[in-house]
């Protein structure tokens, strides 16, 4: 698997995990979990974008 594709997939996974944590934090009233989830979601979004850029340069 190419590096860009791998990076993009890992980013999507992190983004999904973050969304789940954020939602769980909202439902339970756990502000810390909600914040950690949002941070992980943002990290995943950035990682996904880096993967897309790498894929463009791999062509």
Protein backbone atom coordinates (compact mmCIF):
# COMPACT_ATOMS: atom_id res chain seq x y z
CA UNK A 1 0.00 0.00 0.00
CA UNK A 2 1.29 3.43 -0.88
CA UNK A 3 2.27 5.77 1.93
CA UNK A 4 -0.30 8.43 1.01
CA UNK A 5 -3.14 5.93 0.96
CA UNK A 6 -2.07 4.51 4.31
CA UNK A 7 -1.85 7.99 5.84
CA UNK A 8 -5.29 8.90 4.51
CA UNK A 9 -6.86 5.72 5.90
CA UNK A 10 -5.26 6.23 9.31
CA UNK A 11 -6.58 9.78 9.31
CA UNK A 12 -10.11 8.61 8.57
CA UNK A 13 -9.86 6.06 11.38
CA UNK A 14 -8.62 8.67 13.88
CA UNK A 15 -11.35 11.04 12.77
CA UNK A 16 -14.02 8.39 13.34
CA UNK A 17 -12.61 7.48 16.77
CA UNK A 18 -12.59 11.13 17.72
CA UNK A 19 -16.19 11.60 16.64
CA UNK A 20 -17.24 8.62 18.76
CA UNK A 21 -15.35 9.90 21.81
CA UNK A 22 -16.75 13.38 21.34
CA UNK A 23 -20.32 12.06 21.11
CA UNK A 24 -19.84 9.82 24.13
CA UNK A 25 -18.51 12.77 26.10
CA UNK A 26 -21.51 14.88 25.11
CA UNK A 27 -23.97 12.15 26.10
CA UNK A 28 -22.35 11.45 29.46
CA UNK A 29 -21.50 15.05 30.28
CA UNK A 30 -17.78 14.21 30.40
CA UNK A 31 -16.18 17.43 29.20
CA UNK A 32 -12.67 15.96 29.21
CA UNK A 33 -13.67 13.04 26.98
CA UNK A 34 -15.52 15.40 24.67
CA UNK A 35 -12.43 17.62 24.35
CA UNK A 36 -10.13 14.65 23.75
CA UNK A 37 -12.51 13.37 21.09
CA UNK A 38 -12.60 16.71 19.34
CA UNK A 39 -8.80 16.91 19.40
CA UNK A 40 -8.47 13.40 17.97
CA UNK A 41 -11.03 14.23 15.29
CA UNK A 42 -9.06 17.32 14.26
CA UNK A 43 -5.82 15.31 14.21
CA UNK A 44 -7.50 12.73 11.98
CA UNK A 45 -8.77 15.41 9.61
CA UNK A 46 -5.26 16.85 9.29
CA UNK A 47 -3.72 13.41 8.80
CA UNK A 48 -6.29 12.60 6.12
CA UNK A 49 -5.42 15.81 4.25
CA UNK A 50 -1.70 15.02 4.45
CA UNK A 51 -2.43 11.59 2.99
CA UNK A 52 -4.37 13.10 0.10
CA UNK A 53 -1.50 15.48 -0.65
CA UNK A 54 1.03 12.65 -0.53
CA UNK A 55 -1.10 10.63 -2.93
CA UNK A 56 -0.99 13.51 -5.40
CA UNK A 57 2.81 13.60 -5.27
CA UNK A 58 3.08 9.81 -5.64
CA UNK A 59 1.46 9.92 -9.08
